[in-house]
N, C-alpha and C. Protein backbone atom coordinates (compact mmCIF):
# COMPACT_ATOMS: atom_id res chain seq x y z
N MET A 1 -30.50 -17.52 -18.35
CA MET A 1 -29.43 -17.68 -19.19
C MET A 1 -28.79 -16.22 -19.57
N SER A 2 -27.86 -15.79 -19.31
CA SER A 2 -27.05 -14.52 -19.70
C SER A 2 -27.22 -13.92 -21.27
N SER A 3 -27.55 -12.85 -21.69
CA SER A 3 -27.35 -12.82 -23.20
C SER A 3 -25.71 -12.65 -23.45
N PRO A 4 -25.57 -12.58 -24.95
CA PRO A 4 -23.96 -12.42 -25.12
C PRO A 4 -23.63 -10.89 -24.75
N ALA A 5 -24.45 -9.80 -24.70
CA ALA A 5 -24.17 -8.88 -24.52
C ALA A 5 -23.71 -8.54 -23.05
N GLU A 6 -24.38 -9.44 -22.02
CA GLU A 6 -24.19 -9.27 -20.55
C GLU A 6 -23.10 -10.08 -20.16
N THR A 7 -22.56 -11.29 -20.94
CA THR A 7 -21.60 -11.99 -20.76
C THR A 7 -20.38 -11.31 -21.15
N THR A 8 -20.31 -10.66 -22.25
CA THR A 8 -19.24 -9.53 -22.56
C THR A 8 -19.17 -8.36 -21.75
N SER A 9 -20.12 -8.02 -21.36
CA SER A 9 -19.94 -6.95 -20.25
C SER A 9 -19.06 -7.19 -19.12
N ALA A 10 -19.84 -8.43 -18.30
CA ALA A 10 -19.03 -9.24 -17.14
C ALA A 10 -17.67 -9.45 -17.65
N SER A 11 -17.12 -9.79 -18.55
CA SER A 11 -16.20 -10.32 -18.88
C SER A 11 -15.11 -8.98 -18.88
N THR A 12 -15.73 -7.94 -19.41
CA THR A 12 -14.95 -6.45 -19.62
C THR A 12 -14.68 -6.21 -18.18
N ARG A 13 -15.74 -6.35 -17.30
CA ARG A 13 -15.64 -5.81 -15.82
C ARG A 13 -14.45 -6.62 -14.99
N GLN A 14 -14.66 -7.73 -15.47
CA GLN A 14 -13.53 -8.75 -14.81
C GLN A 14 -12.34 -8.17 -14.99
N ARG A 15 -11.97 -8.27 -16.71
CA ARG A 15 -10.70 -7.68 -16.94
C ARG A 15 -10.13 -6.53 -16.30
N SER A 16 -10.96 -5.63 -16.38
CA SER A 16 -10.68 -4.20 -15.87
C SER A 16 -10.29 -4.35 -14.34
N ALA A 17 -11.07 -5.12 -13.61
CA ALA A 17 -10.67 -5.38 -12.18
C ALA A 17 -9.51 -6.25 -11.92
N ARG A 18 -8.96 -6.87 -12.78
CA ARG A 18 -7.73 -7.52 -12.52
C ARG A 18 -6.67 -6.61 -12.76
N VAL A 19 -6.73 -5.98 -13.96
CA VAL A 19 -5.79 -4.96 -14.23
C VAL A 19 -5.63 -4.07 -13.13
N ALA A 20 -6.73 -3.27 -12.57
CA ALA A 20 -6.36 -2.43 -11.18
C ALA A 20 -5.84 -3.18 -10.31
N THR A 21 -6.20 -4.41 -9.94
CA THR A 21 -6.19 -5.16 -8.76
C THR A 21 -4.20 -5.49 -8.77
N GLU A 22 -3.74 -5.67 -10.05
CA GLU A 22 -2.39 -5.69 -10.25
C GLU A 22 -1.49 -4.45 -10.43
N VAL A 23 -1.92 -3.64 -11.06
CA VAL A 23 -1.35 -2.24 -11.19
C VAL A 23 -1.41 -1.44 -10.21
N LEU A 24 -2.52 -1.62 -9.27
CA LEU A 24 -2.21 -0.60 -8.26
C LEU A 24 -2.31 -1.35 -6.94
N ALA A 25 -1.46 -2.45 -6.89
CA ALA A 25 -1.45 -3.38 -5.99
C ALA A 25 -0.85 -2.59 -4.74
N PRO A 26 -0.68 -2.87 -3.55
CA PRO A 26 0.21 -2.33 -2.70
C PRO A 26 1.58 -2.15 -2.78
N TRP A 27 2.29 -3.27 -3.45
CA TRP A 27 3.68 -3.33 -3.53
C TRP A 27 3.92 -2.50 -4.37
N VAL A 28 3.03 -1.99 -5.43
CA VAL A 28 3.61 -1.09 -6.28
C VAL A 28 3.63 0.37 -5.67
N TRP A 29 2.51 0.66 -5.18
CA TRP A 29 2.47 1.81 -4.24
C TRP A 29 3.67 2.15 -3.32
N VAL A 30 4.02 0.94 -2.81
CA VAL A 30 5.11 1.26 -1.77
C VAL A 30 6.73 1.13 -2.53
N LEU A 31 6.53 0.72 -3.59
CA LEU A 31 8.01 1.05 -4.08
C LEU A 31 8.02 2.04 -4.96
N LEU A 32 7.05 2.87 -5.26
CA LEU A 32 7.20 3.89 -5.97
C LEU A 32 7.09 5.25 -5.23
N LEU A 33 5.87 5.25 -4.25
CA LEU A 33 5.77 6.34 -3.36
C LEU A 33 7.20 6.82 -2.62
N PRO A 34 7.99 5.93 -2.17
CA PRO A 34 9.42 6.69 -1.44
C PRO A 34 10.05 7.25 -2.50
N LEU A 35 10.01 6.79 -3.65
CA LEU A 35 10.95 7.47 -4.91
C LEU A 35 10.29 8.85 -5.11
N ALA A 36 9.16 9.06 -5.42
CA ALA A 36 8.31 10.07 -5.57
C ALA A 36 8.69 11.36 -4.46
N VAL A 37 8.70 10.86 -3.12
CA VAL A 37 8.83 11.58 -2.19
C VAL A 37 10.50 12.09 -1.93
N ALA A 38 11.09 11.06 -2.55
CA ALA A 38 12.63 11.40 -2.54
C ALA A 38 12.79 12.33 -3.27
N TRP A 39 12.22 12.15 -4.63
CA TRP A 39 12.47 13.04 -5.62
C TRP A 39 12.30 14.70 -5.43
N ARG A 40 11.22 14.73 -4.61
CA ARG A 40 10.75 16.15 -4.31
C ARG A 40 11.47 16.78 -3.11
N VAL A 41 12.08 15.88 -1.96
CA VAL A 41 12.48 16.32 -0.65
C VAL A 41 13.98 16.55 -1.12
N THR A 42 14.70 15.77 -2.11
CA THR A 42 16.00 16.01 -2.21
C THR A 42 16.19 17.07 -3.45
N SER A 43 15.16 17.79 -3.82
CA SER A 43 15.46 18.83 -4.93
C SER A 43 16.06 18.28 -6.06
N HIS A 44 15.41 17.22 -6.35
CA HIS A 44 15.51 16.20 -7.75
C HIS A 44 17.05 15.84 -8.10
N HIS A 45 17.61 15.38 -6.72
CA HIS A 45 18.79 14.75 -7.00
C HIS A 45 18.59 13.22 -7.09
N VAL A 46 19.28 13.06 -8.35
CA VAL A 46 19.08 11.63 -8.78
C VAL A 46 19.45 10.41 -7.75
N GLY A 47 20.82 10.86 -7.31
CA GLY A 47 21.54 9.90 -6.51
C GLY A 47 20.71 9.55 -5.17
N GLU A 48 20.48 10.66 -4.60
CA GLU A 48 19.86 10.55 -3.33
C GLU A 48 18.55 10.28 -3.41
N THR A 49 17.58 10.52 -4.32
CA THR A 49 16.42 9.72 -4.60
C THR A 49 16.27 8.30 -4.83
N LEU A 50 17.35 7.72 -5.50
CA LEU A 50 17.49 6.49 -5.57
C LEU A 50 17.92 5.66 -4.22
N LEU A 51 19.11 6.57 -3.55
CA LEU A 51 19.51 5.93 -2.37
C LEU A 51 18.15 5.63 -1.34
N TRP A 52 17.83 6.89 -1.23
CA TRP A 52 16.71 6.89 0.05
C TRP A 52 15.43 6.32 -0.34
N GLY A 53 15.09 6.25 -1.56
CA GLY A 53 13.95 6.07 -1.98
C GLY A 53 13.82 4.54 -2.06
N LEU A 54 15.04 3.69 -2.65
CA LEU A 54 15.21 2.47 -2.84
C LEU A 54 15.08 1.95 -1.59
N ILE A 55 15.69 2.51 -0.53
CA ILE A 55 16.19 1.77 0.97
C ILE A 55 14.53 1.49 1.29
N THR A 56 13.68 2.49 1.26
CA THR A 56 12.44 2.07 1.64
C THR A 56 11.45 1.34 0.83
N GLY A 57 11.62 1.34 -0.30
CA GLY A 57 11.03 0.67 -1.47
C GLY A 57 11.27 -0.88 -1.28
N VAL A 58 12.60 -1.10 -1.14
CA VAL A 58 13.12 -2.64 -1.35
C VAL A 58 12.58 -3.29 0.06
N PHE A 59 12.57 -2.46 1.22
CA PHE A 59 12.61 -3.17 2.44
C PHE A 59 11.00 -3.01 2.54
N GLY A 60 10.49 -2.14 2.05
CA GLY A 60 9.11 -1.93 2.36
C GLY A 60 8.10 -2.70 1.47
N SER A 61 8.89 -3.23 0.09
CA SER A 61 7.88 -3.52 -0.98
C SER A 61 8.54 -5.09 -1.29
N ILE A 62 9.66 -4.87 -2.13
CA ILE A 62 10.46 -5.71 -2.78
C ILE A 62 10.55 -7.17 -1.96
N LEU A 63 11.19 -6.96 -0.61
CA LEU A 63 11.57 -8.01 0.11
C LEU A 63 10.34 -8.66 0.72
N PRO A 64 9.25 -7.95 1.22
CA PRO A 64 8.07 -8.70 1.66
C PRO A 64 7.58 -9.25 0.54
N MET A 65 7.38 -8.70 -0.48
CA MET A 65 6.57 -9.19 -1.65
C MET A 65 7.13 -10.45 -2.00
N ALA A 66 8.86 -10.69 -2.02
CA ALA A 66 9.32 -12.11 -2.49
C ALA A 66 9.16 -12.98 -1.32
N VAL A 67 8.69 -12.76 -0.23
CA VAL A 67 8.18 -13.75 0.95
C VAL A 67 7.05 -14.18 0.46
N ILE A 68 6.08 -13.36 0.17
CA ILE A 68 4.69 -13.53 -0.26
C ILE A 68 4.34 -14.31 -1.58
N VAL A 69 5.02 -14.04 -2.53
CA VAL A 69 4.86 -14.66 -3.79
C VAL A 69 5.67 -16.07 -3.38
N ARG A 70 6.28 -16.29 -2.94
CA ARG A 70 7.40 -17.68 -3.03
C ARG A 70 6.23 -18.51 -1.80
N GLY A 71 5.61 -17.74 -0.85
CA GLY A 71 4.55 -18.69 -0.01
C GLY A 71 3.43 -19.24 -1.02
N ALA A 72 2.93 -18.13 -1.87
CA ALA A 72 1.76 -18.39 -2.39
C ALA A 72 2.19 -19.71 -3.85
N ARG A 73 3.59 -19.73 -4.24
CA ARG A 73 3.81 -20.68 -5.33
C ARG A 73 4.14 -21.84 -4.50
N LYS A 74 3.99 -22.15 -3.18
CA LYS A 74 4.26 -23.14 -1.96
C LYS A 74 2.96 -23.38 -1.64
N GLY A 75 2.08 -22.91 -2.02
CA GLY A 75 0.58 -23.13 -1.62
C GLY A 75 0.16 -22.82 -0.19
N ARG A 76 1.12 -21.99 0.63
CA ARG A 76 0.87 -21.61 1.84
C ARG A 76 -0.26 -20.63 2.25
N TRP A 77 -0.60 -19.63 0.92
CA TRP A 77 -2.16 -19.04 0.82
C TRP A 77 -2.43 -18.97 -0.54
N ASP A 78 -3.83 -18.38 -0.37
CA ASP A 78 -4.38 -18.49 -1.84
C ASP A 78 -3.88 -18.19 -3.04
N SER A 79 -3.24 -16.62 -3.09
CA SER A 79 -2.52 -16.00 -3.96
C SER A 79 -1.49 -15.02 -3.40
N HIS A 80 -0.97 -14.32 -4.38
CA HIS A 80 0.06 -13.27 -3.92
C HIS A 80 -0.51 -12.04 -3.47
N HIS A 81 -2.01 -12.15 -3.27
CA HIS A 81 -2.75 -11.15 -2.76
C HIS A 81 -3.24 -11.34 -1.16
N VAL A 82 -3.13 -12.64 -0.94
CA VAL A 82 -3.33 -13.62 0.26
C VAL A 82 -4.85 -12.96 0.60
N THR A 83 -5.84 -13.35 0.08
CA THR A 83 -7.44 -12.85 0.22
C THR A 83 -7.91 -13.72 1.47
N ASP A 84 -7.45 -14.76 1.91
CA ASP A 84 -7.93 -15.44 2.93
C ASP A 84 -7.16 -14.71 4.39
N ARG A 85 -8.18 -14.25 5.24
CA ARG A 85 -7.56 -13.24 6.42
C ARG A 85 -6.94 -14.13 7.26
N ALA A 86 -7.24 -15.39 7.32
CA ALA A 86 -6.46 -16.17 8.57
C ALA A 86 -5.04 -16.33 7.90
N GLY A 87 -4.81 -16.20 6.62
CA GLY A 87 -3.33 -16.68 6.03
C GLY A 87 -2.61 -15.59 5.96
N ARG A 88 -2.99 -14.46 6.81
CA ARG A 88 -2.17 -13.05 6.39
C ARG A 88 -0.94 -12.78 7.69
N VAL A 89 -1.22 -14.02 8.33
CA VAL A 89 -0.06 -13.92 9.64
C VAL A 89 1.41 -13.31 9.20
N ILE A 90 1.80 -14.50 8.40
CA ILE A 90 3.15 -14.26 7.84
C ILE A 90 3.56 -13.38 6.75
N PRO A 91 2.45 -13.02 5.88
CA PRO A 91 2.75 -12.07 5.21
C PRO A 91 2.86 -10.38 6.05
N PHE A 92 1.85 -10.32 7.04
CA PHE A 92 1.90 -9.27 7.62
C PHE A 92 3.35 -9.22 8.43
N ALA A 93 3.84 -10.30 8.94
CA ALA A 93 5.06 -10.13 9.41
C ALA A 93 6.10 -9.92 8.95
N ALA A 94 6.09 -10.39 7.72
CA ALA A 94 7.10 -9.92 6.71
C ALA A 94 7.33 -8.55 6.38
N CYS A 95 6.15 -8.14 6.21
CA CYS A 95 5.83 -6.64 5.91
C CYS A 95 6.54 -5.71 7.03
N ILE A 96 5.95 -5.93 8.15
CA ILE A 96 6.54 -5.12 9.42
C ILE A 96 7.90 -5.39 9.57
N GLY A 97 8.22 -6.52 9.72
CA GLY A 97 9.74 -6.94 10.04
C GLY A 97 10.70 -6.34 8.98
N PHE A 98 10.66 -6.61 7.73
CA PHE A 98 11.51 -5.80 6.65
C PHE A 98 11.31 -4.34 6.92
N LEU A 99 10.24 -3.61 6.92
CA LEU A 99 10.07 -2.26 6.91
C LEU A 99 10.70 -1.77 8.16
N ALA A 100 10.59 -2.30 9.04
CA ALA A 100 11.19 -2.01 10.53
C ALA A 100 12.84 -1.99 10.27
N VAL A 101 13.52 -2.89 9.61
CA VAL A 101 14.95 -2.75 9.07
C VAL A 101 15.17 -1.52 8.65
N GLY A 102 14.24 -1.33 7.53
CA GLY A 102 14.63 -0.23 6.40
C GLY A 102 14.43 1.19 7.08
N PHE A 103 13.52 1.21 8.16
CA PHE A 103 13.17 2.54 8.93
C PHE A 103 14.27 2.38 9.76
N THR A 104 15.07 1.45 10.44
CA THR A 104 16.01 1.58 11.15
C THR A 104 17.22 2.30 10.57
N ILE A 105 17.60 1.42 9.06
CA ILE A 105 18.54 2.09 8.13
C ILE A 105 18.49 3.70 7.95
N LEU A 106 17.28 4.18 7.50
CA LEU A 106 17.15 5.25 7.57
C LEU A 106 17.19 6.44 8.63
N LEU A 107 16.64 5.73 9.78
CA LEU A 107 17.11 6.88 11.22
C LEU A 107 18.45 6.82 11.02
N VAL A 108 19.21 5.92 11.36
CA VAL A 108 20.61 5.60 11.22
C VAL A 108 21.44 6.40 10.18
N GLY A 109 21.09 6.35 9.23
CA GLY A 109 21.66 6.88 8.10
C GLY A 109 21.30 8.48 7.71
N ASP A 110 20.71 8.98 8.47
CA ASP A 110 20.20 10.27 8.69
C ASP A 110 19.39 10.68 7.18
N ALA A 111 18.65 9.89 7.12
CA ALA A 111 18.00 10.22 5.79
C ALA A 111 16.96 11.42 5.82
N PRO A 112 16.35 12.10 4.72
CA PRO A 112 15.66 13.16 4.86
C PRO A 112 14.59 12.72 5.91
N ARG A 113 13.95 13.73 6.81
CA ARG A 113 12.93 13.30 7.57
C ARG A 113 11.51 12.97 7.06
N GLU A 114 11.65 13.41 5.82
CA GLU A 114 10.00 13.06 5.04
C GLU A 114 9.98 11.51 4.89
N LEU A 115 11.42 10.96 4.33
CA LEU A 115 11.49 9.57 4.15
C LEU A 115 11.27 8.74 5.53
N VAL A 116 11.64 8.93 6.68
CA VAL A 116 11.87 8.34 7.73
C VAL A 116 10.43 8.75 8.24
N ALA A 117 9.50 9.84 8.09
CA ALA A 117 8.24 10.05 8.57
C ALA A 117 7.35 9.01 7.53
N LEU A 118 7.69 8.83 6.32
CA LEU A 118 6.99 7.85 5.43
C LEU A 118 6.91 6.56 5.84
N ALA A 119 8.59 5.88 6.10
CA ALA A 119 8.62 4.55 6.67
C ALA A 119 7.79 4.24 8.05
N ALA A 120 7.90 5.33 8.99
CA ALA A 120 7.01 5.18 10.09
C ALA A 120 5.49 5.09 10.09
N ALA A 121 5.09 5.89 9.08
CA ALA A 121 3.53 6.13 8.74
C ALA A 121 3.05 4.98 8.27
N GLU A 122 3.96 4.02 7.24
CA GLU A 122 3.69 2.80 6.91
C GLU A 122 3.74 1.67 7.80
N LEU A 123 4.82 1.93 8.79
CA LEU A 123 4.67 0.88 9.89
C LEU A 123 3.34 1.31 10.62
N VAL A 124 3.13 2.30 11.05
CA VAL A 124 1.96 2.60 11.82
C VAL A 124 0.62 1.94 11.07
N SER A 125 0.54 2.25 9.67
CA SER A 125 -0.75 1.89 8.95
C SER A 125 -0.75 0.40 9.12
N LEU A 126 0.33 -0.29 9.01
CA LEU A 126 0.41 -1.90 9.30
C LEU A 126 0.04 -2.38 10.63
N ILE A 127 0.56 -1.58 11.64
CA ILE A 127 -0.13 -2.23 12.65
C ILE A 127 -1.39 -1.87 12.99
N VAL A 128 -1.86 -0.95 12.56
CA VAL A 128 -3.40 -0.64 12.95
C VAL A 128 -4.13 -1.89 11.77
N ALA A 129 -3.46 -2.03 10.54
CA ALA A 129 -4.30 -3.14 9.94
C ALA A 129 -4.27 -4.74 10.38
N VAL A 130 -3.26 -4.80 11.09
CA VAL A 130 -3.27 -6.13 12.02
C VAL A 130 -4.08 -6.04 13.03
N ALA A 131 -4.17 -5.05 13.81
CA ALA A 131 -5.04 -5.05 14.87
C ALA A 131 -6.38 -5.27 14.43
N ILE A 132 -6.83 -4.53 13.31
CA ILE A 132 -7.98 -4.86 12.78
C ILE A 132 -8.44 -6.10 12.26
N THR A 133 -7.46 -6.50 11.37
CA THR A 133 -7.56 -7.98 10.70
C THR A 133 -7.87 -8.97 11.89
N PHE A 134 -7.05 -9.19 12.83
CA PHE A 134 -6.87 -10.11 13.75
C PHE A 134 -7.59 -9.82 15.07
N GLY A 135 -7.49 -8.87 15.68
CA GLY A 135 -7.94 -8.22 16.83
C GLY A 135 -9.70 -8.18 16.84
N LEU A 136 -10.04 -7.21 15.43
CA LEU A 136 -11.45 -7.40 15.12
C LEU A 136 -12.19 -8.34 14.22
N LYS A 137 -11.03 -9.28 13.70
CA LYS A 137 -11.33 -10.14 12.93
C LYS A 137 -12.48 -9.74 11.49
N PHE A 138 -11.55 -8.74 11.30
CA PHE A 138 -12.27 -8.07 9.88
C PHE A 138 -11.37 -8.03 8.81
N LYS A 139 -11.51 -8.07 7.45
CA LYS A 139 -10.32 -8.49 6.71
C LYS A 139 -10.38 -6.83 5.98
N VAL A 140 -9.79 -5.92 6.48
CA VAL A 140 -9.49 -4.84 6.01
C VAL A 140 -8.76 -4.90 4.53
N SER A 141 -9.25 -3.96 3.60
CA SER A 141 -8.71 -4.20 2.43
C SER A 141 -7.09 -3.30 2.42
N MET A 142 -6.05 -4.01 1.95
CA MET A 142 -4.63 -3.51 2.04
C MET A 142 -4.63 -2.71 0.59
N HIS A 143 -5.10 -3.00 -0.54
CA HIS A 143 -4.96 -2.37 -1.58
C HIS A 143 -5.85 -1.33 -1.68
N ALA A 144 -6.99 -0.79 -0.71
CA ALA A 144 -7.55 0.46 -0.52
C ALA A 144 -6.60 1.40 0.39
N ALA A 145 -6.46 0.50 1.54
CA ALA A 145 -5.51 1.33 2.50
C ALA A 145 -3.98 2.07 2.09
N VAL A 146 -3.32 1.07 1.26
CA VAL A 146 -2.30 1.47 0.57
C VAL A 146 -2.43 2.63 -0.33
N ALA A 147 -3.22 2.51 -1.31
CA ALA A 147 -3.48 3.50 -2.35
C ALA A 147 -4.00 4.64 -1.79
N ALA A 148 -5.08 4.54 -0.60
CA ALA A 148 -5.59 6.09 -0.17
C ALA A 148 -4.36 6.61 0.47
N GLY A 149 -3.55 5.77 1.23
CA GLY A 149 -2.66 6.50 2.17
C GLY A 149 -1.17 7.04 1.35
N ALA A 150 -1.16 6.35 0.33
CA ALA A 150 -0.02 7.18 -0.90
C ALA A 150 -0.60 8.40 -1.36
N VAL A 151 -1.77 8.37 -1.51
CA VAL A 151 -2.61 9.76 -2.28
C VAL A 151 -2.58 10.86 -1.42
N ALA A 152 -2.68 10.32 0.11
CA ALA A 152 -2.72 11.35 0.99
C ALA A 152 -1.23 11.95 1.20
N ILE A 153 -0.31 11.15 1.36
CA ILE A 153 0.94 11.55 1.29
C ILE A 153 1.49 12.59 0.35
N LEU A 154 1.14 12.04 -1.05
CA LEU A 154 1.38 13.02 -2.30
C LEU A 154 0.81 14.23 -2.19
N VAL A 155 -0.40 14.47 -1.97
CA VAL A 155 -1.16 15.56 -1.64
C VAL A 155 -0.31 16.36 -0.89
N GLN A 156 0.16 16.23 0.20
CA GLN A 156 0.91 16.81 1.28
C GLN A 156 2.62 17.23 0.64
N VAL A 157 2.97 16.00 0.11
CA VAL A 157 4.28 16.50 -0.48
C VAL A 157 4.47 17.31 -1.90
N TYR A 158 3.51 17.19 -2.56
CA TYR A 158 3.47 17.91 -3.78
C TYR A 158 2.50 18.96 -3.74
N ASP A 159 1.42 18.44 -4.17
CA ASP A 159 0.06 19.64 -4.36
C ASP A 159 -1.16 18.84 -4.17
N PRO A 160 -1.97 19.59 -3.86
CA PRO A 160 -3.51 19.05 -3.37
C PRO A 160 -3.73 18.72 -4.94
N TRP A 161 -3.35 18.91 -6.12
CA TRP A 161 -3.91 18.70 -7.31
C TRP A 161 -3.55 17.24 -7.42
N PHE A 162 -2.55 16.43 -6.83
CA PHE A 162 -2.69 14.89 -6.75
C PHE A 162 -3.85 14.31 -5.98
N ALA A 163 -4.83 14.93 -5.73
CA ALA A 163 -5.99 14.41 -4.88
C ALA A 163 -6.76 13.79 -6.25
N PHE A 164 -6.51 13.93 -7.67
CA PHE A 164 -6.85 13.53 -8.74
C PHE A 164 -6.50 11.82 -8.48
N LEU A 165 -5.48 11.52 -8.05
CA LEU A 165 -5.24 10.17 -8.06
C LEU A 165 -6.11 9.29 -6.87
N LEU A 166 -7.14 10.02 -6.55
CA LEU A 166 -8.28 9.32 -5.68
C LEU A 166 -9.38 8.48 -6.54
N ILE A 167 -9.05 8.99 -8.07
CA ILE A 167 -9.66 8.17 -9.10
C ILE A 167 -9.20 6.87 -9.05
N GLY A 168 -7.84 6.58 -8.95
CA GLY A 168 -7.12 5.19 -9.00
C GLY A 168 -7.63 4.50 -7.93
N VAL A 169 -7.68 5.35 -6.75
CA VAL A 169 -8.12 4.45 -5.28
C VAL A 169 -9.66 4.06 -5.50
N GLY A 170 -10.60 4.96 -6.18
CA GLY A 170 -11.67 4.37 -6.33
C GLY A 170 -11.53 3.18 -7.35
N TRP A 171 -10.71 3.17 -8.32
CA TRP A 171 -10.78 2.16 -9.20
C TRP A 171 -10.48 0.73 -8.73
N VAL A 172 -9.27 0.77 -7.98
CA VAL A 172 -8.78 -0.32 -7.20
C VAL A 172 -9.79 -1.00 -5.91
N CYS A 173 -10.49 0.13 -5.52
CA CYS A 173 -11.46 -0.42 -4.64
C CYS A 173 -12.70 -1.32 -4.98
N TRP A 174 -13.00 -0.70 -6.21
CA TRP A 174 -14.34 -1.38 -7.17
C TRP A 174 -13.81 -2.81 -7.45
N SER A 175 -12.24 -2.68 -8.15
CA SER A 175 -11.89 -4.10 -8.30
C SER A 175 -11.77 -4.96 -7.49
N ARG A 176 -11.51 -4.72 -6.11
CA ARG A 176 -11.28 -5.84 -5.24
C ARG A 176 -13.01 -6.41 -4.94
N VAL A 177 -13.95 -5.63 -4.77
CA VAL A 177 -15.20 -5.96 -4.62
C VAL A 177 -15.74 -6.57 -6.17
N GLU A 178 -15.53 -5.95 -7.12
CA GLU A 178 -15.91 -6.96 -8.10
C GLU A 178 -15.48 -8.22 -8.42
N LEU A 179 -14.19 -8.65 -8.29
CA LEU A 179 -13.39 -9.87 -7.82
C LEU A 179 -14.02 -10.58 -6.75
N GLU A 180 -14.84 -9.92 -5.87
CA GLU A 180 -15.09 -10.34 -4.73
C GLU A 180 -14.11 -11.03 -3.67
N ASP A 181 -13.04 -10.38 -3.74
CA ASP A 181 -12.13 -10.64 -2.59
C ASP A 181 -12.22 -9.82 -1.37
N HIS A 182 -13.14 -8.74 -1.50
CA HIS A 182 -13.50 -7.84 -0.28
C HIS A 182 -14.60 -7.47 -0.45
N THR A 183 -15.37 -6.82 0.53
CA THR A 183 -16.76 -6.48 0.51
C THR A 183 -16.61 -4.84 0.47
N THR A 184 -17.62 -4.11 0.24
CA THR A 184 -17.87 -2.71 0.06
C THR A 184 -17.34 -2.16 1.59
N ALA A 185 -17.82 -2.88 2.42
CA ALA A 185 -17.20 -2.46 3.87
C ALA A 185 -15.80 -2.44 4.17
N GLU A 186 -15.30 -3.64 3.77
CA GLU A 186 -13.76 -3.67 3.89
C GLU A 186 -12.95 -2.62 2.93
N VAL A 187 -13.32 -2.37 1.75
CA VAL A 187 -12.45 -1.47 1.15
C VAL A 187 -12.79 -0.17 1.73
N SER A 188 -14.01 0.25 2.25
CA SER A 188 -14.18 1.60 2.85
C SER A 188 -13.50 1.70 4.14
N VAL A 189 -13.24 0.80 4.69
CA VAL A 189 -12.40 0.79 6.15
C VAL A 189 -11.05 0.97 5.76
N GLY A 190 -10.65 0.01 4.56
CA GLY A 190 -9.19 0.12 4.18
C GLY A 190 -8.73 1.63 3.85
N THR A 191 -9.95 2.27 2.89
CA THR A 191 -9.62 3.68 2.62
C THR A 191 -9.34 4.54 3.87
N LEU A 192 -10.20 4.43 4.53
CA LEU A 192 -10.27 5.31 5.86
C LEU A 192 -9.02 5.15 6.58
N VAL A 193 -8.51 4.18 6.61
CA VAL A 193 -7.33 3.75 7.39
C VAL A 193 -6.13 4.32 6.65
N GLY A 194 -6.09 4.20 5.38
CA GLY A 194 -5.12 4.92 4.66
C GLY A 194 -4.80 6.61 4.76
N LEU A 195 -6.24 6.95 4.58
CA LEU A 195 -6.28 8.58 4.83
C LEU A 195 -6.03 9.07 6.09
N MET A 196 -6.45 8.40 6.92
CA MET A 196 -6.50 9.04 8.31
C MET A 196 -5.05 8.63 9.22
N VAL A 197 -5.00 7.19 9.29
CA VAL A 197 -3.89 6.76 9.48
C VAL A 197 -2.46 7.01 8.90
N GLY A 198 -2.31 6.52 7.75
CA GLY A 198 -1.34 6.57 6.79
C GLY A 198 -1.00 8.34 6.64
N GLY A 199 -2.10 8.65 6.14
CA GLY A 199 -1.78 10.25 5.57
C GLY A 199 -1.45 11.19 7.15
N GLY A 200 -2.33 11.06 7.94
CA GLY A 200 -2.43 11.69 9.51
C GLY A 200 -1.24 11.28 9.95
N ALA A 201 -0.68 10.21 10.05
CA ALA A 201 0.82 9.68 10.73
C ALA A 201 1.96 10.65 10.02
N TYR A 202 1.67 10.63 8.85
CA TYR A 202 2.98 11.64 8.23
C TYR A 202 2.79 12.80 8.27
N ALA A 203 1.75 13.62 8.32
CA ALA A 203 1.72 14.83 8.74
C ALA A 203 1.75 15.32 9.81
N ALA A 204 2.04 14.34 10.75
CA ALA A 204 2.05 14.54 12.22
C ALA A 204 3.71 14.34 12.67
N LEU A 205 4.10 13.56 11.71
CA LEU A 205 5.50 12.96 11.81
C LEU A 205 6.53 13.96 11.30
N VAL A 206 6.55 14.42 10.17
CA VAL A 206 7.29 15.07 9.55
C VAL A 206 7.90 16.48 10.40
N PRO A 207 6.94 17.56 10.80
CA PRO A 207 7.27 18.45 11.75
C PRO A 207 7.84 17.68 13.14
N ALA A 208 7.45 16.80 13.34
CA ALA A 208 7.99 16.38 14.64
C ALA A 208 9.49 15.88 14.53
N LEU A 209 9.77 15.64 13.30
CA LEU A 209 11.21 14.98 13.20
C LEU A 209 12.23 16.29 12.61
N MET A 210 11.64 17.27 12.62
CA MET A 210 12.45 18.61 12.27
C MET A 210 13.51 18.82 13.41
């Protein structure tokens, strides 16, 4: 039987894990990251930041999340985090479809190359995640992948000091394991996908689009 102290400690860990899982969820990163990138590359021009940042954020985050939340409320998958691997088909399809539309708008609208590269890097990361999830039947953590990829891109756009945000990546990875939604291996692979695929694709695409 657990002691009161052990029960309190477990409860505190669970609360911290739930906070990390929600506050550092993929949709949050995907909404805020384009705004941060746009702010930098438009030389702090508010109008252009909102225009280009929100196009990426809305199509990459808000619209897919609306589909996911609606499906969760109808019981189509376990929650808005879609922890069941088999249930990720429609959520992944929604993410890729909406983001592809946003990418096309950025491309046709002559958006800053950094925003085009960001949307493209997100698409590449999603496709790799789909391949791992369904091709290898391995439930890669999207929380870890998106968070790690976002930090890798912020380091390139702003300053190496932004690597301190890896603390947040560690926190959200821990939260997914603590809540038993992922294993250590799944968050580790997710982190590698984010750093290598997301961050790597962005680094390669920015100069290629010049």
